[in-house]
Amino acid sequence: MAASAGDTVHISGTVERLNTIKNFPIINSLRVAVHFIADDGTIVDSKQLWSAGTNANDRFVRWTFPKQYPLPPAASAIGFSYRGTVSQGGGESGGQDGWQVWQRP
């Protein structure tokens, strides 16, 4: 990826939950971020790409996203991460706050 001042990156897609968490019907919170990475591996900027919030039933979550961001001049690659909590509902699993899930870039 080569960038110059004024470049914009357009990202669109669909969030698909991994098998390890897709059986949890309640999304207490879930956020996906995009990270702009320099040649030396450092993250030069991060932006929230998608989120689902407060105790949303997964049937009512919009799983698609279209976003655009200014591309940092030092960026040569992008990476993604997610973080959140999921639960079965009704306080049945994972304690009061549910199960924490995350993946770093």
PDB file of N, CA and C in Angstrom:
ATOM      1  N   MET A   1       0.849  -1.155   0.000  1.00  0.00           N
ATOM      2  CA  MET A   1       0.000   0.000   0.000  1.00  0.00           C
ATOM      3  C   MET A   1       0.902   1.227   0.000  1.00  0.00           C
ATOM      4  N   ALA A   2       0.718   2.096  -0.941  1.00  0.00           N
ATOM      5  CA  ALA A   2       1.444   3.362  -0.976  1.00  0.00           C
ATOM      6  C   ALA A   2       0.436   4.482  -0.787  1.00  0.00           C
ATOM      7  N   ALA A   3       0.765   5.451   0.020  1.00  0.00           N
ATOM      8  CA  ALA A   3      -0.165   6.534   0.307  1.00  0.00           C
ATOM      9  C   ALA A   3       0.501   7.873   0.089  1.00  0.00           C
ATOM     10  N   SER A   4      -0.293   8.825  -0.325  1.00  0.00           N
ATOM     11  CA  SER A   4       0.177  10.202  -0.391  1.00  0.00           C
ATOM     12  C   SER A   4      -0.865  11.079   0.279  1.00  0.00           C
ATOM     13  N   ALA A   5      -0.506  12.290   0.571  1.00  0.00           N
ATOM     14  CA  ALA A   5      -1.415  13.193   1.278  1.00  0.00           C
ATOM     15  C   ALA A   5      -2.741  13.268   0.534  1.00  0.00           C
ATOM     16  N   GLY A   6      -3.815  13.188   1.266  1.00  0.00           N
ATOM     17  CA  GLY A   6      -5.141  13.277   0.675  1.00  0.00           C
ATOM     18  C   GLY A   6      -5.739  11.953   0.243  1.00  0.00           C
ATOM     19  N   ASP A   7      -4.984  10.858   0.322  1.00  0.00           N
ATOM     20  CA  ASP A   7      -5.529   9.543  -0.042  1.00  0.00           C
ATOM     21  C   ASP A   7      -6.581   9.110   0.973  1.00  0.00           C
ATOM     22  N   THR A   8      -7.571   8.414   0.486  1.00  0.00           N
ATOM     23  CA  THR A   8      -8.636   7.890   1.338  1.00  0.00           C
ATOM     24  C   THR A   8      -8.738   6.396   1.102  1.00  0.00           C
ATOM     25  N   VAL A   9      -8.937   5.647   2.180  1.00  0.00           N
ATOM     26  CA  VAL A   9      -9.154   4.204   2.058  1.00  0.00           C
ATOM     27  C   VAL A   9     -10.647   3.952   2.288  1.00  0.00           C
ATOM     28  N   HIS A  10     -11.239   3.156   1.400  1.00  0.00           N
ATOM     29  CA  HIS A  10     -12.644   2.773   1.496  1.00  0.00           C
ATOM     30  C   HIS A  10     -12.688   1.308   1.901  1.00  0.00           C
ATOM     31  N   ILE A  11     -13.407   1.030   2.981  1.00  0.00           N
ATOM     32  CA  ILE A  11     -13.503  -0.339   3.495  1.00  0.00           C
ATOM     33  C   ILE A  11     -14.982  -0.660   3.682  1.00  0.00           C
ATOM     34  N   SER A  12     -15.429  -1.764   3.114  1.00  0.00           N
ATOM     35  CA  SER A  12     -16.800  -2.216   3.337  1.00  0.00           C
ATOM     36  C   SER A  12     -16.772  -3.736   3.471  1.00  0.00           C
ATOM     37  N   GLY A  13     -17.759  -4.255   4.178  1.00  0.00           N
ATOM     38  CA  GLY A  13     -17.784  -5.694   4.357  1.00  0.00           C
ATOM     39  C   GLY A  13     -18.879  -6.126   5.303  1.00  0.00           C
ATOM     40  N   THR A  14     -18.773  -7.364   5.708  1.00  0.00           N
ATOM     41  CA  THR A  14     -19.727  -7.968   6.628  1.00  0.00           C
ATOM     42  C   THR A  14     -18.954  -8.603   7.770  1.00  0.00           C
ATOM     43  N   VAL A  15     -19.365  -8.322   8.986  1.00  0.00           N
ATOM     44  CA  VAL A  15     -18.755  -8.936  10.168  1.00  0.00           C
ATOM     45  C   VAL A  15     -19.316 -10.344  10.304  1.00  0.00           C
ATOM     46  N   GLU A  16     -18.433 -11.326  10.398  1.00  0.00           N
ATOM     47  CA  GLU A  16     -18.843 -12.710  10.624  1.00  0.00           C
ATOM     48  C   GLU A  16     -18.191 -13.185  11.911  1.00  0.00           C
ATOM     49  N   ARG A  17     -19.024 -13.608  12.844  1.00  0.00           N
ATOM     50  CA  ARG A  17     -18.493 -14.108  14.110  1.00  0.00           C
ATOM     51  C   ARG A  17     -17.872 -15.475  13.938  1.00  0.00           C
ATOM     52  N   LEU A  18     -16.769 -15.702  14.632  1.00  0.00           N
ATOM     53  CA  LEU A  18     -16.100 -17.000  14.621  1.00  0.00           C
ATOM     54  C   LEU A  18     -16.989 -18.042  15.295  1.00  0.00           C
ATOM     55  N   ASN A  19     -16.753 -19.307  14.967  1.00  0.00           N
ATOM     56  CA  ASN A  19     -17.531 -20.394  15.576  1.00  0.00           C
ATOM     57  C   ASN A  19     -17.496 -20.353  17.091  1.00  0.00           C
ATOM     58  N   THR A  20     -16.401 -19.873  17.657  1.00  0.00           N
ATOM     59  CA  THR A  20     -16.269 -19.877  19.116  1.00  0.00           C
ATOM     60  C   THR A  20     -17.230 -18.914  19.798  1.00  0.00           C
ATOM     61  N   ILE A  21     -17.753 -17.927  19.083  1.00  0.00           N
ATOM     62  CA  ILE A  21     -18.673 -16.988  19.731  1.00  0.00           C
ATOM     63  C   ILE A  21     -20.030 -16.864  19.044  1.00  0.00           C
ATOM     64  N   LYS A  22     -20.223 -17.482  17.884  1.00  0.00           N
ATOM     65  CA  LYS A  22     -21.480 -17.252  17.178  1.00  0.00           C
ATOM     66  C   LYS A  22     -22.682 -17.943  17.825  1.00  0.00           C
ATOM     67  N   ASN A  23     -22.468 -18.830  18.777  1.00  0.00           N
ATOM     68  CA  ASN A  23     -23.587 -19.464  19.471  1.00  0.00           C
ATOM     69  C   ASN A  23     -24.135 -18.632  20.622  1.00  0.00           C
ATOM     70  N   PHE A  24     -23.524 -17.487  20.890  1.00  0.00           N
ATOM     71  CA  PHE A  24     -24.019 -16.591  21.931  1.00  0.00           C
ATOM     72  C   PHE A  24     -24.962 -15.579  21.284  1.00  0.00           C
ATOM     73  N   PRO A  25     -26.260 -15.606  21.624  1.00  0.00           N
ATOM     74  CA  PRO A  25     -27.226 -14.753  20.939  1.00  0.00           C
ATOM     75  C   PRO A  25     -27.225 -13.285  21.380  1.00  0.00           C
ATOM     76  N   ILE A  26     -26.606 -12.981  22.511  1.00  0.00           N
ATOM     77  CA  ILE A  26     -26.625 -11.612  23.001  1.00  0.00           C
ATOM     78  C   ILE A  26     -25.238 -10.988  22.840  1.00  0.00           C
ATOM     79  N   ILE A  27     -25.192  -9.865  22.145  1.00  0.00           N
ATOM     80  CA  ILE A  27     -23.965  -9.093  21.983  1.00  0.00           C
ATOM     81  C   ILE A  27     -24.014  -7.981  23.019  1.00  0.00           C
ATOM     82  N   ASN A  28     -23.313  -8.172  24.142  1.00  0.00           N
ATOM     83  CA  ASN A  28     -23.271  -7.120  25.163  1.00  0.00           C
ATOM     84  C   ASN A  28     -22.554  -5.903  24.609  1.00  0.00           C
ATOM     85  N   SER A  29     -21.459  -6.136  23.948  1.00  0.00           N
ATOM     86  CA  SER A  29     -20.735  -5.102  23.205  1.00  0.00           C
ATOM     87  C   SER A  29     -19.759  -5.805  22.287  1.00  0.00           C
ATOM     88  N   LEU A  30     -19.539  -5.231  21.131  1.00  0.00           N
ATOM     89  CA  LEU A  30     -18.569  -5.796  20.195  1.00  0.00           C
ATOM     90  C   LEU A  30     -18.101  -4.669  19.289  1.00  0.00           C
ATOM     91  N   ARG A  31     -16.792  -4.512  19.181  1.00  0.00           N
ATOM     92  CA  ARG A  31     -16.205  -3.466  18.354  1.00  0.00           C
ATOM     93  C   ARG A  31     -15.102  -4.050  17.489  1.00  0.00           C
ATOM     94  N   VAL A  32     -15.088  -3.625  16.240  1.00  0.00           N
ATOM     95  CA  VAL A  32     -14.038  -4.007  15.305  1.00  0.00           C
ATOM     96  C   VAL A  32     -13.296  -2.735  14.927  1.00  0.00           C
ATOM     97  N   ALA A  33     -11.975  -2.791  14.959  1.00  0.00           N
ATOM     98  CA  ALA A  33     -11.147  -1.637  14.611  1.00  0.00           C
ATOM     99  C   ALA A  33     -10.250  -1.975  13.436  1.00  0.00           C
ATOM    100  N   VAL A  34      -9.897  -0.946  12.676  1.00  0.00           N
ATOM    101  CA  VAL A  34      -8.904  -1.073  11.622  1.00  0.00           C
ATOM    102  C   VAL A  34      -7.669  -0.311  12.083  1.00  0.00           C
ATOM    103  N   HIS A  35      -6.506  -0.898  11.863  1.00  0.00           N
ATOM    104  CA  HIS A  35      -5.238  -0.293  12.288  1.00  0.00           C
ATOM    105  C   HIS A  35      -4.373  -0.060  11.053  1.00  0.00           C
ATOM    106  N   PHE A  36      -3.820   1.126  10.964  1.00  0.00           N
ATOM    107  CA  PHE A  36      -2.919   1.483   9.873  1.00  0.00           C
ATOM    108  C   PHE A  36      -1.495   1.267  10.375  1.00  0.00           C
ATOM    109  N   ILE A  37      -0.731   0.465   9.656  1.00  0.00           N
ATOM    110  CA  ILE A  37       0.553  -0.043  10.136  1.00  0.00           C
ATOM    111  C   ILE A  37       1.686   0.425   9.219  1.00  0.00           C
ATOM    112  N   ALA A  38       2.776   0.885   9.837  1.00  0.00           N
ATOM    113  CA  ALA A  38       3.963   1.336   9.098  1.00  0.00           C
ATOM    114  C   ALA A  38       4.839   0.134   8.738  1.00  0.00           C
ATOM    115  N   ASP A  39       5.841   0.390   7.903  1.00  0.00           N
ATOM    116  CA  ASP A  39       6.762  -0.672   7.466  1.00  0.00           C
ATOM    117  C   ASP A  39       7.441  -1.386   8.629  1.00  0.00           C
ATOM    118  N   ASP A  40       7.708  -0.664   9.720  1.00  0.00           N
ATOM    119  CA  ASP A  40       8.399  -1.281  10.852  1.00  0.00           C
ATOM    120  C   ASP A  40       7.458  -2.035  11.799  1.00  0.00           C
ATOM    121  N   GLY A  41       6.159  -2.103  11.453  1.00  0.00           N
ATOM    122  CA  GLY A  41       5.204  -2.855  12.257  1.00  0.00           C
ATOM    123  C   GLY A  41       4.480  -2.048  13.312  1.00  0.00           C
ATOM    124  N   THR A  42       4.808  -0.775  13.455  1.00  0.00           N
ATOM    125  CA  THR A  42       4.114   0.042  14.447  1.00  0.00           C
ATOM    126  C   THR A  42       2.763   0.498  13.900  1.00  0.00           C
ATOM    127  N   ILE A  43       1.798   0.602  14.786  1.00  0.00           N
ATOM    128  CA  ILE A  43       0.479   1.108  14.418  1.00  0.00           C
ATOM    129  C   ILE A  43       0.548   2.630  14.446  1.00  0.00           C
ATOM    130  N   VAL A  44       0.290   3.263  13.293  1.00  0.00           N
ATOM    131  CA  VAL A  44       0.377   4.724  13.202  1.00  0.00           C
ATOM    132  C   VAL A  44      -0.973   5.396  13.422  1.00  0.00           C
ATOM    133  N   ASP A  45      -2.066   4.643  13.283  1.00  0.00           N
ATOM    134  CA  ASP A  45      -3.401   5.181  13.552  1.00  0.00           C
ATOM    135  C   ASP A  45      -4.372   4.017  13.650  1.00  0.00           C
ATOM    136  N   SER A  46      -5.459   4.222  14.384  1.00  0.00           N
ATOM    137  CA  SER A  46      -6.516   3.223  14.524  1.00  0.00           C
ATOM    138  C   SER A  46      -7.862   3.926  14.454  1.00  0.00           C
ATOM    139  N   LYS A  47      -8.835   3.266  13.866  1.00  0.00           N
ATOM    140  CA  LYS A  47     -10.188   3.804  13.747  1.00  0.00           C
ATOM    141  C   LYS A  47     -11.184   2.698  14.046  1.00  0.00           C
ATOM    142  N   GLN A  48     -12.310   3.083  14.667  1.00  0.00           N
ATOM    143  CA  GLN A  48     -13.378   2.112  14.875  1.00  0.00           C
ATOM    144  C   GLN A  48     -14.051   1.847  13.534  1.00  0.00           C
ATOM    145  N   LEU A  49     -14.140   0.580  13.176  1.00  0.00           N
ATOM    146  CA  LEU A  49     -14.696   0.187  11.888  1.00  0.00           C
ATOM    147  C   LEU A  49     -16.172  -0.182  12.002  1.00  0.00           C
ATOM    148  N   TRP A  50     -16.535  -0.848  13.092  1.00  0.00           N
ATOM    149  CA  TRP A  50     -17.903  -1.343  13.260  1.00  0.00           C
ATOM    150  C   TRP A  50     -18.141  -1.570  14.745  1.00  0.00           C
ATOM    151  N   SER A  51     -19.395  -1.429  15.179  1.00  0.00           N
ATOM    152  CA  SER A  51     -19.722  -1.749  16.569  1.00  0.00           C
ATOM    153  C   SER A  51     -21.174  -2.184  16.694  1.00  0.00           C
ATOM    154  N   ALA A  52     -21.412  -3.013  17.690  1.00  0.00           N
ATOM    155  CA  ALA A  52     -22.761  -3.399  18.109  1.00  0.00           C
ATOM    156  C   ALA A  52     -22.776  -3.192  19.603  1.00  0.00           C
ATOM    157  N   GLY A  53     -23.870  -2.676  20.116  1.00  0.00           N
ATOM    158  CA  GLY A  53     -23.821  -2.296  21.506  1.00  0.00           C
ATOM    159  C   GLY A  53     -24.825  -2.959  22.391  1.00  0.00           C
ATOM    160  N   THR A  54     -24.925  -2.371  23.454  1.00  0.00           N
ATOM    161  CA  THR A  54     -25.592  -2.732  24.673  1.00  0.00           C
ATOM    162  C   THR A  54     -26.683  -3.787  24.555  1.00  0.00           C
ATOM    163  N   ASN A  55     -26.298  -5.007  24.870  1.00  0.00           N
ATOM    164  CA  ASN A  55     -27.212  -6.142  24.983  1.00  0.00           C
ATOM    165  C   ASN A  55     -28.108  -6.320  23.766  1.00  0.00           C
ATOM    166  N   ALA A  56     -27.539  -6.229  22.586  1.00  0.00           N
ATOM    167  CA  ALA A  56     -28.291  -6.370  21.345  1.00  0.00           C
ATOM    168  C   ALA A  56     -28.501  -7.841  21.016  1.00  0.00           C
ATOM    169  N   ASN A  57     -29.720  -8.186  20.672  1.00  0.00           N
ATOM    170  CA  ASN A  57     -29.982  -9.528  20.176  1.00  0.00           C
ATOM    171  C   ASN A  57     -29.367  -9.624  18.790  1.00  0.00           C
ATOM    172  N   ASP A  58     -28.625 -10.687  18.521  1.00  0.00           N
ATOM    173  CA  ASP A  58     -27.879 -10.769  17.267  1.00  0.00           C
ATOM    174  C   ASP A  58     -28.771 -10.726  16.025  1.00  0.00           C
ATOM    175  N   ARG A  59     -30.059 -11.018  16.154  1.00  0.00           N
ATOM    176  CA  ARG A  59     -30.973 -10.935  15.012  1.00  0.00           C
ATOM    177  C   ARG A  59     -31.227  -9.495  14.583  1.00  0.00           C
ATOM    178  N   PHE A  60     -30.964  -8.530  15.476  1.00  0.00           N
ATOM    179  CA  PHE A  60     -31.254  -7.137  15.184  1.00  0.00           C
ATOM    180  C   PHE A  60     -30.004  -6.295  14.946  1.00  0.00           C
ATOM    181  N   VAL A  61     -28.875  -6.939  14.817  1.00  0.00           N
ATOM    182  CA  VAL A  61     -27.612  -6.229  14.597  1.00  0.00           C
ATOM    183  C   VAL A  61     -27.377  -6.087  13.095  1.00  0.00           C
ATOM    184  N   ARG A  62     -26.993  -4.895  12.661  1.00  0.00           N
ATOM    185  CA  ARG A  62     -26.587  -4.696  11.260  1.00  0.00           C
ATOM    186  C   ARG A  62     -25.133  -5.126  11.157  1.00  0.00           C
ATOM    187  N   TRP A  63     -24.886  -6.201  10.456  1.00  0.00           N
ATOM    188  CA  TRP A  63     -23.557  -6.805  10.408  1.00  0.00           C
ATOM    189  C   TRP A  63     -22.687  -6.235   9.287  1.00  0.00           C
ATOM    190  N   THR A  64     -23.246  -5.408   8.420  1.00  0.00           N
ATOM    191  CA  THR A  64     -22.478  -4.840   7.311  1.00  0.00           C
ATOM    192  C   THR A  64     -21.994  -3.436   7.665  1.00  0.00           C
ATOM    193  N   PHE A  65     -20.962  -2.995   6.967  1.00  0.00           N
ATOM    194  CA  PHE A  65     -20.439  -1.646   7.197  1.00  0.00           C
ATOM    195  C   PHE A  65     -19.793  -1.094   5.928  1.00  0.00           C
ATOM    196  N   PRO A  66     -20.003   0.186   5.635  1.00  0.00           N
ATOM    197  CA  PRO A  66     -19.219   0.914   4.632  1.00  0.00           C
ATOM    198  C   PRO A  66     -18.523   2.080   5.350  1.00  0.00           C
ATOM    199  N   LYS A  67     -17.228   2.172   5.238  1.00  0.00           N
ATOM    200  CA  LYS A  67     -16.477   3.248   5.913  1.00  0.00           C
ATOM    201  C   LYS A  67     -15.414   3.796   4.978  1.00  0.00           C
ATOM    202  N   GLN A  68     -15.003   5.022   5.258  1.00  0.00           N
ATOM    203  CA  GLN A  68     -13.841   5.586   4.581  1.00  0.00           C
ATOM    204  C   GLN A  68     -13.072   6.438   5.579  1.00  0.00           C
ATOM    205  N   TYR A  69     -11.765   6.377   5.462  1.00  0.00           N
ATOM    206  CA  TYR A  69     -10.874   7.086   6.377  1.00  0.00           C
ATOM    207  C   TYR A  69      -9.723   7.693   5.593  1.00  0.00           C
ATOM    208  N   PRO A  70      -9.189   8.807   6.091  1.00  0.00           N
ATOM    209  CA  PRO A  70      -7.960   9.318   5.484  1.00  0.00           C
ATOM    210  C   PRO A  70      -6.827   8.336   5.749  1.00  0.00           C
ATOM    211  N   LEU A  71      -6.027   8.096   4.755  1.00  0.00           N
ATOM    212  CA  LEU A  71      -4.933   7.141   4.877  1.00  0.00           C
ATOM    213  C   LEU A  71      -3.684   7.854   5.375  1.00  0.00           C
ATOM    214  N   PRO A  72      -3.176   7.461   6.557  1.00  0.00           N
ATOM    215  CA  PRO A  72      -1.956   8.103   7.061  1.00  0.00           C
ATOM    216  C   PRO A  72      -0.793   7.879   6.087  1.00  0.00           C
ATOM    217  N   PRO A  73      -0.007   8.910   5.805  1.00  0.00           N
ATOM    218  CA  PRO A  73       1.094   8.776   4.849  1.00  0.00           C
ATOM    219  C   PRO A  73       2.094   7.677   5.212  1.00  0.00           C
ATOM    220  N   ALA A  74       2.301   7.398   6.490  1.00  0.00           N
ATOM    221  CA  ALA A  74       3.285   6.388   6.905  1.00  0.00           C
ATOM    222  C   ALA A  74       2.744   4.963   6.809  1.00  0.00           C
ATOM    223  N   ALA A  75       1.455   4.798   6.529  1.00  0.00           N
ATOM    224  CA  ALA A  75       0.857   3.461   6.511  1.00  0.00           C
ATOM    225  C   ALA A  75       1.260   2.691   5.268  1.00  0.00           C
ATOM    226  N   SER A  76       1.644   1.428   5.481  1.00  0.00           N
ATOM    227  CA  SER A  76       1.972   0.547   4.363  1.00  0.00           C
ATOM    228  C   SER A  76       1.122  -0.725   4.384  1.00  0.00           C
ATOM    229  N   ALA A  77       0.349  -0.911   5.462  1.00  0.00           N
ATOM    230  CA  ALA A  77      -0.505  -2.095   5.595  1.00  0.00           C
ATOM    231  C   ALA A  77      -1.643  -1.765   6.556  1.00  0.00           C
ATOM    232  N   ILE A  78      -2.644  -2.633   6.571  1.00  0.00           N
ATOM    233  CA  ILE A  78      -3.714  -2.494   7.554  1.00  0.00           C
ATOM    234  C   ILE A  78      -3.892  -3.819   8.281  1.00  0.00           C
ATOM    235  N   GLY A  79      -4.414  -3.729   9.500  1.00  0.00           N
ATOM    236  CA  GLY A  79      -4.732  -4.903  10.299  1.00  0.00           C
ATOM    237  C   GLY A  79      -6.051  -4.654  11.002  1.00  0.00           C
ATOM    238  N   PHE A  80      -6.625  -5.689  11.563  1.00  0.00           N
ATOM    239  CA  PHE A  80      -7.922  -5.577  12.214  1.00  0.00           C
ATOM    240  C   PHE A  80      -7.865  -6.196  13.601  1.00  0.00           C
ATOM    241  N   SER A  81      -8.721  -5.706  14.484  1.00  0.00           N
ATOM    242  CA  SER A  81      -8.861  -6.293  15.810  1.00  0.00           C
ATOM    243  C   SER A  81     -10.325  -6.229  16.211  1.00  0.00           C
ATOM    244  N   TYR A  82     -10.692  -7.046  17.200  1.00  0.00           N
ATOM    245  CA  TYR A  82     -12.032  -6.929  17.775  1.00  0.00           C
ATOM    246  C   TYR A  82     -11.948  -7.131  19.270  1.00  0.00           C
ATOM    247  N   ARG A  83     -12.962  -6.614  19.968  1.00  0.00           N
ATOM    248  CA  ARG A  83     -13.035  -6.740  21.416  1.00  0.00           C
ATOM    249  C   ARG A  83     -14.488  -6.582  21.829  1.00  0.00           C
ATOM    250  N   GLY A  84     -14.929  -7.389  22.798  1.00  0.00           N
ATOM    251  CA  GLY A  84     -16.290  -7.242  23.286  1.00  0.00           C
ATOM    252  C   GLY A  84     -16.663  -8.303  24.291  1.00  0.00           C
ATOM    253  N   THR A  85     -17.953  -8.346  24.613  1.00  0.00           N
ATOM    254  CA  THR A  85     -18.499  -9.378  25.490  1.00  0.00           C
ATOM    255  C   THR A  85     -19.786  -9.912  24.869  1.00  0.00           C
ATOM    256  N   VAL A  86     -20.005 -11.205  25.043  1.00  0.00           N
ATOM    257  CA  VAL A  86     -21.193 -11.887  24.530  1.00  0.00           C
ATOM    258  C   VAL A  86     -21.780 -12.725  25.662  1.00  0.00           C
ATOM    259  N   SER A  87     -23.069 -13.067  25.558  1.00  0.00           N
ATOM    260  CA  SER A  87     -23.680 -13.904  26.595  1.00  0.00           C
ATOM    261  C   SER A  87     -24.852 -14.689  26.024  1.00  0.00           C
ATOM    262  N   GLN A  88     -25.324 -15.629  26.826  1.00  0.00           N
ATOM    263  CA  GLN A  88     -26.494 -16.426  26.466  1.00  0.00           C
ATOM    264  C   GLN A  88     -27.778 -15.673  26.780  1.00  0.00           C
ATOM    265  N   GLY A  89     -27.678 -14.669  27.646  1.00  0.00           N
ATOM    266  CA  GLY A  89     -28.862 -13.938  28.090  1.00  0.00           C
ATOM    267  C   GLY A  89     -29.376 -14.500  29.399  1.00  0.00           C
ATOM    268  N   GLY A  90     -30.092 -13.698  30.137  1.00  0.00           N
ATOM    269  CA  GLY A  90     -30.668 -14.147  31.393  1.00  0.00           C
ATOM    270  C   GLY A  90     -29.654 -14.459  32.467  1.00  0.00           C
ATOM    271  N   GLY A  91     -28.415 -14.008  32.336  1.00  0.00           N
ATOM    272  CA  GLY A  91     -27.394 -14.241  33.349  1.00  0.00           C
ATOM    273  C   GLY A  91     -26.951 -15.684  33.444  1.00  0.00           C
ATOM    274  N   GLU A  92     -27.148 -16.482  32.389  1.00  0.00           N
ATOM    275  CA  GLU A  92     -26.872 -17.912  32.440  1.00  0.00           C
ATOM    276  C   GLU A  92     -25.406 -18.273  32.275  1.00  0.00           C
ATOM    277  N   SER A  93     -24.616 -17.415  31.622  1.00  0.00           N
ATOM    278  CA  SER A  93     -23.229 -17.794  31.371  1.00  0.00           C
ATOM    279  C   SER A  93     -22.316 -16.598  31.455  1.00  0.00           C
ATOM    280  N   GLY A  94     -21.097 -16.854  31.793  1.00  0.00           N
ATOM    281  CA  GLY A  94     -20.095 -15.813  31.776  1.00  0.00           C
ATOM    282  C   GLY A  94     -20.235 -14.786  32.869  1.00  0.00           C
ATOM    283  N   GLY A  95     -21.020 -15.076  33.870  1.00  0.00           N
ATOM    284  CA  GLY A  95     -21.188 -14.109  34.942  1.00  0.00           C
ATOM    285  C   GLY A  95     -22.063 -12.952  34.504  1.00  0.00           C
ATOM    286  N   GLN A  96     -22.093 -11.922  35.303  1.00  0.00           N
ATOM    287  CA  GLN A  96     -22.963 -10.783  35.072  1.00  0.00           C
ATOM    288  C   GLN A  96     -22.639 -10.071  33.763  1.00  0.00           C
ATOM    289  N   ASP A  97     -21.374  -9.996  33.401  1.00  0.00           N
ATOM    290  CA  ASP A  97     -20.968  -9.240  32.229  1.00  0.00           C
ATOM    291  C   ASP A  97     -20.825 -10.074  30.971  1.00  0.00           C
ATOM    292  N   GLY A  98     -20.954 -11.378  31.034  1.00  0.00           N
ATOM    293  CA  GLY A  98     -20.806 -12.225  29.861  1.00  0.00           C
ATOM    294  C   GLY A  98     -19.371 -12.654  29.643  1.00  0.00           C
ATOM    295  N   TRP A  99     -19.121 -13.249  28.496  1.00  0.00           N
ATOM    296  CA  TRP A  99     -17.808 -13.752  28.134  1.00  0.00           C
ATOM    297  C   TRP A  99     -17.056 -12.689  27.351  1.00  0.00           C
ATOM    298  N   GLN A 100     -15.811 -12.408  27.729  1.00  0.00           N
ATOM    299  CA  GLN A 100     -15.004 -11.445  26.998  1.00  0.00           C
ATOM    300  C   GLN A 100     -14.342 -12.135  25.816  1.00  0.00           C
ATOM    301  N   VAL A 101     -14.346 -11.441  24.668  1.00  0.00           N
ATOM    302  CA  VAL A 101     -13.708 -11.954  23.455  1.00  0.00           C
ATOM    303  C   VAL A 101     -12.828 -10.853  22.885  1.00  0.00           C
ATOM    304  N   TRP A 102     -11.700 -11.240  22.295  1.00  0.00           N
ATOM    305  CA  TRP A 102     -10.829 -10.238  21.669  1.00  0.00           C
ATOM    306  C   TRP A 102      -9.834 -10.920  20.745  1.00  0.00           C
ATOM    307  N   GLN A 103      -9.343 -10.133  19.818  1.00  0.00           N
ATOM    308  CA  GLN A 103      -8.265 -10.522  18.913  1.00  0.00           C
ATOM    309  C   GLN A 103      -7.508  -9.262  18.563  1.00  0.00           C
ATOM    310  N   ARG A 104      -6.209  -9.291  18.694  1.00  0.00           N
ATOM    311  CA  ARG A 104      -5.374  -8.125  18.380  1.00  0.00           C
ATOM    312  C   ARG A 104      -4.778  -8.261  16.992  1.00  0.00           C
ATOM    313  N   PRO A 105      -4.359  -7.124  16.413  1.00  0.00           N
ATOM    314  CA  PRO A 105      -3.788  -7.199  15.048  1.00  0.00           C
ATOM    315  C   PRO A 105      -2.466  -7.944  15.026  1.00  0.00           C
TER     316      PRO A 105
END
